[in-house]
Amino acid sequence: MNEEELIVHVQSYPFLYDLTDARYSNTLIRETAWEEIGHKMKHKVAQKTFPLTYENICKISFYLV
């Protein structure tokens, strides 16, 4: 999986990483976003393929700032 491509897609959904976003706590919205990202990246479920562990969140957040 291309991490740079994933970062580009995740940037479109700030509620996946921004704890201050009101939608962050909405599991359904987040799951739908991951499914959309997975579809764009040709994976069934991107969240399962590239779980947002603390280390990965730090990597992604670096590019989002």
PDB file of N, CA and C in Angstrom:
ATOM      1  N   MET A   1       0.843  -1.176   0.000  1.00  0.00           N
ATOM      2  CA  MET A   1       0.000   0.000   0.000  1.00  0.00           C
ATOM      3  C   MET A   1       0.887   1.237   0.000  1.00  0.00           C
ATOM      4  N   ASN A   2       0.520   2.180  -0.773  1.00  0.00           N
ATOM      5  CA  ASN A   2       1.267   3.420  -0.890  1.00  0.00           C
ATOM      6  C   ASN A   2       0.831   4.393   0.214  1.00  0.00           C
ATOM      7  N   GLU A   3       1.719   4.659   1.153  1.00  0.00           N
ATOM      8  CA  GLU A   3       1.393   5.540   2.275  1.00  0.00           C
ATOM      9  C   GLU A   3       1.099   6.964   1.817  1.00  0.00           C
ATOM     10  N   GLU A   4       1.804   7.441   0.811  1.00  0.00           N
ATOM     11  CA  GLU A   4       1.575   8.805   0.321  1.00  0.00           C
ATOM     12  C   GLU A   4       0.170   8.945  -0.262  1.00  0.00           C
ATOM     13  N   GLU A   5      -0.262   7.935  -0.989  1.00  0.00           N
ATOM     14  CA  GLU A   5      -1.617   7.950  -1.549  1.00  0.00           C
ATOM     15  C   GLU A   5      -2.648   7.933  -0.421  1.00  0.00           C
ATOM     16  N   LEU A   6      -2.392   7.129   0.597  1.00  0.00           N
ATOM     17  CA  LEU A   6      -3.296   7.067   1.745  1.00  0.00           C
ATOM     18  C   LEU A   6      -3.395   8.428   2.423  1.00  0.00           C
ATOM     19  N   ILE A   7      -2.279   9.097   2.590  1.00  0.00           N
ATOM     20  CA  ILE A   7      -2.264  10.419   3.225  1.00  0.00           C
ATOM     21  C   ILE A   7      -3.119  11.400   2.434  1.00  0.00           C
ATOM     22  N   VAL A   8      -2.993  11.374   1.127  1.00  0.00           N
ATOM     23  CA  VAL A   8      -3.786  12.271   0.283  1.00  0.00           C
ATOM     24  C   VAL A   8      -5.273  12.022   0.504  1.00  0.00           C
ATOM     25  N   HIS A   9      -5.667  10.760   0.550  1.00  0.00           N
ATOM     26  CA  HIS A   9      -7.082  10.437   0.743  1.00  0.00           C
ATOM     27  C   HIS A   9      -7.555  10.798   2.149  1.00  0.00           C
ATOM     28  N   VAL A  10      -6.756  10.531   3.154  1.00  0.00           N
ATOM     29  CA  VAL A  10      -7.149  10.829   4.537  1.00  0.00           C
ATOM     30  C   VAL A  10      -7.295  12.333   4.736  1.00  0.00           C
ATOM     31  N   GLN A  11      -6.504  13.126   4.036  1.00  0.00           N
ATOM     32  CA  GLN A  11      -6.624  14.585   4.141  1.00  0.00           C
ATOM     33  C   GLN A  11      -8.025  15.061   3.780  1.00  0.00           C
ATOM     34  N   SER A  12      -8.720  14.313   2.959  1.00  0.00           N
ATOM     35  CA  SER A  12     -10.083  14.680   2.557  1.00  0.00           C
ATOM     36  C   SER A  12     -11.103  14.456   3.668  1.00  0.00           C
ATOM     37  N   TYR A  13     -10.681  13.739   4.707  1.00  0.00           N
ATOM     38  CA  TYR A  13     -11.580  13.399   5.807  1.00  0.00           C
ATOM     39  C   TYR A  13     -10.936  13.795   7.140  1.00  0.00           C
ATOM     40  N   PRO A  14     -10.919  15.073   7.479  1.00  0.00           N
ATOM     41  CA  PRO A  14     -10.240  15.509   8.702  1.00  0.00           C
ATOM     42  C   PRO A  14     -10.797  14.880   9.973  1.00  0.00           C
ATOM     43  N   PHE A  15     -12.035  14.446   9.951  1.00  0.00           N
ATOM     44  CA  PHE A  15     -12.625  13.835  11.142  1.00  0.00           C
ATOM     45  C   PHE A  15     -12.029  12.465  11.457  1.00  0.00           C
ATOM     46  N   LEU A  16     -11.207  11.925  10.582  1.00  0.00           N
ATOM     47  CA  LEU A  16     -10.529  10.665  10.873  1.00  0.00           C
ATOM     48  C   LEU A  16      -9.337  10.857  11.805  1.00  0.00           C
ATOM     49  N   TYR A  17      -8.801  12.062  11.856  1.00  0.00           N
ATOM     50  CA  TYR A  17      -7.609  12.305  12.668  1.00  0.00           C
ATOM     51  C   TYR A  17      -7.727  13.512  13.588  1.00  0.00           C
ATOM     52  N   ASP A  18      -8.695  14.378  13.366  1.00  0.00           N
ATOM     53  CA  ASP A  18      -8.840  15.603  14.162  1.00  0.00           C
ATOM     54  C   ASP A  18      -9.817  15.370  15.310  1.00  0.00           C
ATOM     55  N   LEU A  19      -9.276  15.243  16.511  1.00  0.00           N
ATOM     56  CA  LEU A  19     -10.104  14.963  17.685  1.00  0.00           C
ATOM     57  C   LEU A  19     -11.076  16.087  18.004  1.00  0.00           C
ATOM     58  N   THR A  20     -10.837  17.282  17.503  1.00  0.00           N
ATOM     59  CA  THR A  20     -11.729  18.406  17.788  1.00  0.00           C
ATOM     60  C   THR A  20     -12.898  18.481  16.803  1.00  0.00           C
ATOM     61  N   ASP A  21     -12.851  17.696  15.757  1.00  0.00           N
ATOM     62  CA  ASP A  21     -13.944  17.671  14.784  1.00  0.00           C
ATOM     63  C   ASP A  21     -15.143  16.957  15.409  1.00  0.00           C
ATOM     64  N   ALA A  22     -16.320  17.556  15.325  1.00  0.00           N
ATOM     65  CA  ALA A  22     -17.531  16.990  15.931  1.00  0.00           C
ATOM     66  C   ALA A  22     -17.865  15.611  15.356  1.00  0.00           C
ATOM     67  N   ARG A  23     -17.472  15.352  14.118  1.00  0.00           N
ATOM     68  CA  ARG A  23     -17.773  14.065  13.480  1.00  0.00           C
ATOM     69  C   ARG A  23     -16.824  12.954  13.910  1.00  0.00           C
ATOM     70  N   TYR A  24     -15.745  13.296  14.623  1.00  0.00           N
ATOM     71  CA  TYR A  24     -14.760  12.298  15.035  1.00  0.00           C
ATOM     72  C   TYR A  24     -15.399  11.184  15.862  1.00  0.00           C
ATOM     73  N   SER A  25     -16.361  11.529  16.702  1.00  0.00           N
ATOM     74  CA  SER A  25     -16.978  10.536  17.584  1.00  0.00           C
ATOM     75  C   SER A  25     -18.079   9.729  16.898  1.00  0.00           C
ATOM     76  N   ASN A  26     -18.398  10.045  15.663  1.00  0.00           N
ATOM     77  CA  ASN A  26     -19.442   9.330  14.936  1.00  0.00           C
ATOM     78  C   ASN A  26     -18.819   8.149  14.187  1.00  0.00           C
ATOM     79  N   THR A  27     -18.979   6.971  14.760  1.00  0.00           N
ATOM     80  CA  THR A  27     -18.366   5.772  14.201  1.00  0.00           C
ATOM     81  C   THR A  27     -18.867   5.468  12.798  1.00  0.00           C
ATOM     82  N   LEU A  28     -20.142   5.667  12.559  1.00  0.00           N
ATOM     83  CA  LEU A  28     -20.705   5.369  11.242  1.00  0.00           C
ATOM     84  C   LEU A  28     -20.077   6.238  10.156  1.00  0.00           C
ATOM     85  N   ILE A  29     -19.925   7.517  10.436  1.00  0.00           N
ATOM     86  CA  ILE A  29     -19.306   8.424   9.462  1.00  0.00           C
ATOM     87  C   ILE A  29     -17.860   8.017   9.201  1.00  0.00           C
ATOM     88  N   ARG A  30     -17.136   7.680  10.271  1.00  0.00           N
ATOM     89  CA  ARG A  30     -15.732   7.284  10.100  1.00  0.00           C
ATOM     90  C   ARG A  30     -15.615   5.978   9.315  1.00  0.00           C
ATOM     91  N   GLU A  31     -16.470   5.003   9.619  1.00  0.00           N
ATOM     92  CA  GLU A  31     -16.424   3.736   8.888  1.00  0.00           C
ATOM     93  C   GLU A  31     -16.737   3.947   7.409  1.00  0.00           C
ATOM     94  N   THR A  32     -17.710   4.791   7.133  1.00  0.00           N
ATOM     95  CA  THR A  32     -18.062   5.093   5.745  1.00  0.00           C
ATOM     96  C   THR A  32     -16.886   5.748   5.023  1.00  0.00           C
ATOM     97  N   ALA A  33     -16.216   6.662   5.702  1.00  0.00           N
ATOM     98  CA  ALA A  33     -15.051   7.321   5.102  1.00  0.00           C
ATOM     99  C   ALA A  33     -13.961   6.303   4.784  1.00  0.00           C
ATOM    100  N   TRP A  34     -13.700   5.367   5.717  1.00  0.00           N
ATOM    101  CA  TRP A  34     -12.684   4.348   5.470  1.00  0.00           C
ATOM    102  C   TRP A  34     -13.070   3.457   4.295  1.00  0.00           C
ATOM    103  N   GLU A  35     -14.360   3.149   4.177  1.00  0.00           N
ATOM    104  CA  GLU A  35     -14.806   2.345   3.038  1.00  0.00           C
ATOM    105  C   GLU A  35     -14.590   3.102   1.729  1.00  0.00           C
ATOM    106  N   GLU A  36     -14.873   4.399   1.735  1.00  0.00           N
ATOM    107  CA  GLU A  36     -14.650   5.215   0.536  1.00  0.00           C
ATOM    108  C   GLU A  36     -13.168   5.273   0.182  1.00  0.00           C
ATOM    109  N   ILE A  37     -12.332   5.443   1.190  1.00  0.00           N
ATOM    110  CA  ILE A  37     -10.882   5.457   0.957  1.00  0.00           C
ATOM    111  C   ILE A  37     -10.438   4.110   0.404  1.00  0.00           C
ATOM    112  N   GLY A  38     -10.933   3.042   1.006  1.00  0.00           N
ATOM    113  CA  GLY A  38     -10.596   1.703   0.530  1.00  0.00           C
ATOM    114  C   GLY A  38     -11.016   1.492  -0.915  1.00  0.00           C
ATOM    115  N   HIS A  39     -12.195   1.983  -1.261  1.00  0.00           N
ATOM    116  CA  HIS A  39     -12.676   1.861  -2.642  1.00  0.00           C
ATOM    117  C   HIS A  39     -11.758   2.628  -3.600  1.00  0.00           C
ATOM    118  N   LYS A  40     -11.372   3.830  -3.197  1.00  0.00           N
ATOM    119  CA  LYS A  40     -10.484   4.639  -4.035  1.00  0.00           C
ATOM    120  C   LYS A  40      -9.122   3.977  -4.207  1.00  0.00           C
ATOM    121  N   MET A  41      -8.688   3.267  -3.165  1.00  0.00           N
ATOM    122  CA  MET A  41      -7.366   2.643  -3.206  1.00  0.00           C
ATOM    123  C   MET A  41      -7.437   1.178  -3.638  1.00  0.00           C
ATOM    124  N   LYS A  42      -8.618   0.741  -4.050  1.00  0.00           N
ATOM    125  CA  LYS A  42      -8.827  -0.626  -4.534  1.00  0.00           C
ATOM    126  C   LYS A  42      -8.602  -1.679  -3.448  1.00  0.00           C
ATOM    127  N   HIS A  43      -8.940  -1.341  -2.200  1.00  0.00           N
ATOM    128  CA  HIS A  43      -8.876  -2.282  -1.088  1.00  0.00           C
ATOM    129  C   HIS A  43     -10.261  -2.396  -0.496  1.00  0.00           C
ATOM    130  N   LYS A  44     -10.580  -3.574   0.039  1.00  0.00           N
ATOM    131  CA  LYS A  44     -11.908  -3.750   0.620  1.00  0.00           C
ATOM    132  C   LYS A  44     -12.120  -2.823   1.800  1.00  0.00           C
ATOM    133  N   VAL A  45     -11.218  -2.848   2.745  1.00  0.00           N
ATOM    134  CA  VAL A  45     -11.351  -1.971   3.905  1.00  0.00           C
ATOM    135  C   VAL A  45      -9.974  -1.419   4.234  1.00  0.00           C
ATOM    136  N   ALA A  46      -9.748  -0.171   3.898  1.00  0.00           N
ATOM    137  CA  ALA A  46      -8.438   0.442   4.123  1.00  0.00           C
ATOM    138  C   ALA A  46      -8.084   0.454   5.604  1.00  0.00           C
ATOM    139  N   GLN A  47      -9.078   0.612   6.470  1.00  0.00           N
ATOM    140  CA  GLN A  47      -8.809   0.673   7.905  1.00  0.00           C
ATOM    141  C   GLN A  47      -8.205  -0.642   8.385  1.00  0.00           C
ATOM    142  N   LYS A  48      -8.653  -1.761   7.847  1.00  0.00           N
ATOM    143  CA  LYS A  48      -8.110  -3.061   8.247  1.00  0.00           C
ATOM    144  C   LYS A  48      -6.714  -3.256   7.667  1.00  0.00           C
ATOM    145  N   THR A  49      -6.482  -2.748   6.475  1.00  0.00           N
ATOM    146  CA  THR A  49      -5.191  -2.902   5.822  1.00  0.00           C
ATOM    147  C   THR A  49      -4.137  -1.992   6.437  1.00  0.00           C
ATOM    148  N   PHE A  50      -4.542  -0.790   6.786  1.00  0.00           N
ATOM    149  CA  PHE A  50      -3.619   0.199   7.333  1.00  0.00           C
ATOM    150  C   PHE A  50      -4.242   0.774   8.600  1.00  0.00           C
ATOM    151  N   PRO A  51      -4.234   0.007   9.688  1.00  0.00           N
ATOM    152  CA  PRO A  51      -4.891   0.487  10.907  1.00  0.00           C
ATOM    153  C   PRO A  51      -4.220   1.751  11.432  1.00  0.00           C
ATOM    154  N   LEU A  52      -5.021   2.617  12.008  1.00  0.00           N
ATOM    155  CA  LEU A  52      -4.488   3.863  12.540  1.00  0.00           C
ATOM    156  C   LEU A  52      -3.904   3.639  13.931  1.00  0.00           C
ATOM    157  N   THR A  53      -2.739   3.043  13.947  1.00  0.00           N
ATOM    158  CA  THR A  53      -2.025   2.916  15.199  1.00  0.00           C
ATOM    159  C   THR A  53      -1.437   4.275  15.541  1.00  0.00           C
ATOM    160  N   TYR A  54      -0.993   4.441  16.755  1.00  0.00           N
ATOM    161  CA  TYR A  54      -0.424   5.719  17.173  1.00  0.00           C
ATOM    162  C   TYR A  54       0.714   6.131  16.241  1.00  0.00           C
ATOM    163  N   GLU A  55       1.559   5.192  15.896  1.00  0.00           N
ATOM    164  CA  GLU A  55       2.700   5.490  15.018  1.00  0.00           C
ATOM    165  C   GLU A  55       2.228   5.975  13.647  1.00  0.00           C
ATOM    166  N   ASN A  56       1.226   5.324  13.099  1.00  0.00           N
ATOM    167  CA  ASN A  56       0.719   5.718  11.784  1.00  0.00           C
ATOM    168  C   ASN A  56       0.016   7.062  11.833  1.00  0.00           C
ATOM    169  N   ILE A  57      -0.696   7.341  12.919  1.00  0.00           N
ATOM    170  CA  ILE A  57      -1.341   8.642  13.075  1.00  0.00           C
ATOM    171  C   ILE A  57      -0.279   9.735  13.088  1.00  0.00           C
ATOM    172  N   CYS A  58       0.823   9.490  13.774  1.00  0.00           N
ATOM    173  CA  CYS A  58       1.905  10.479  13.822  1.00  0.00           C
ATOM    174  C   CYS A  58       2.482  10.713  12.429  1.00  0.00           C
ATOM    175  N   LYS A  59       2.661   9.651  11.668  1.00  0.00           N
ATOM    176  CA  LYS A  59       3.182   9.790  10.307  1.00  0.00           C
ATOM    177  C   LYS A  59       2.236  10.621   9.454  1.00  0.00           C
ATOM    178  N   ILE A  60       0.955  10.283   9.514  1.00  0.00           N
ATOM    179  CA  ILE A  60      -0.038  10.984   8.708  1.00  0.00           C
ATOM    180  C   ILE A  60      -0.164  12.430   9.156  1.00  0.00           C
ATOM    181  N   SER A  61      -0.227  12.663  10.462  1.00  0.00           N
ATOM    182  CA  SER A  61      -0.392  14.019  10.990  1.00  0.00           C
ATOM    183  C   SER A  61       0.746  14.932  10.555  1.00  0.00           C
ATOM    184  N   PHE A  62       1.942  14.382  10.426  1.00  0.00           N
ATOM    185  CA  PHE A  62       3.093  15.168   9.993  1.00  0.00           C
ATOM    186  C   PHE A  62       2.834  15.798   8.628  1.00  0.00           C
ATOM    187  N   TYR A  63       2.199  15.045   7.738  1.00  0.00           N
ATOM    188  CA  TYR A  63       1.935  15.541   6.387  1.00  0.00           C
ATOM    189  C   TYR A  63       0.702  16.428   6.321  1.00  0.00           C
ATOM    190  N   LEU A  64      -0.171  16.341   7.315  1.00  0.00           N
ATOM    191  CA  LEU A  64      -1.407  17.110   7.301  1.00  0.00           C
ATOM    192  C   LEU A  64      -1.234  18.512   7.845  1.00  0.00           C
ATOM    193  N   VAL A  65      -0.169  18.742   8.574  1.00  0.00           N
ATOM    194  CA  VAL A  65       0.037  20.059   9.192  1.00  0.00           C
ATOM    195  C   VAL A  65       0.647  21.025   8.220  1.00  0.00           C
TER     196      VAL A  65
END
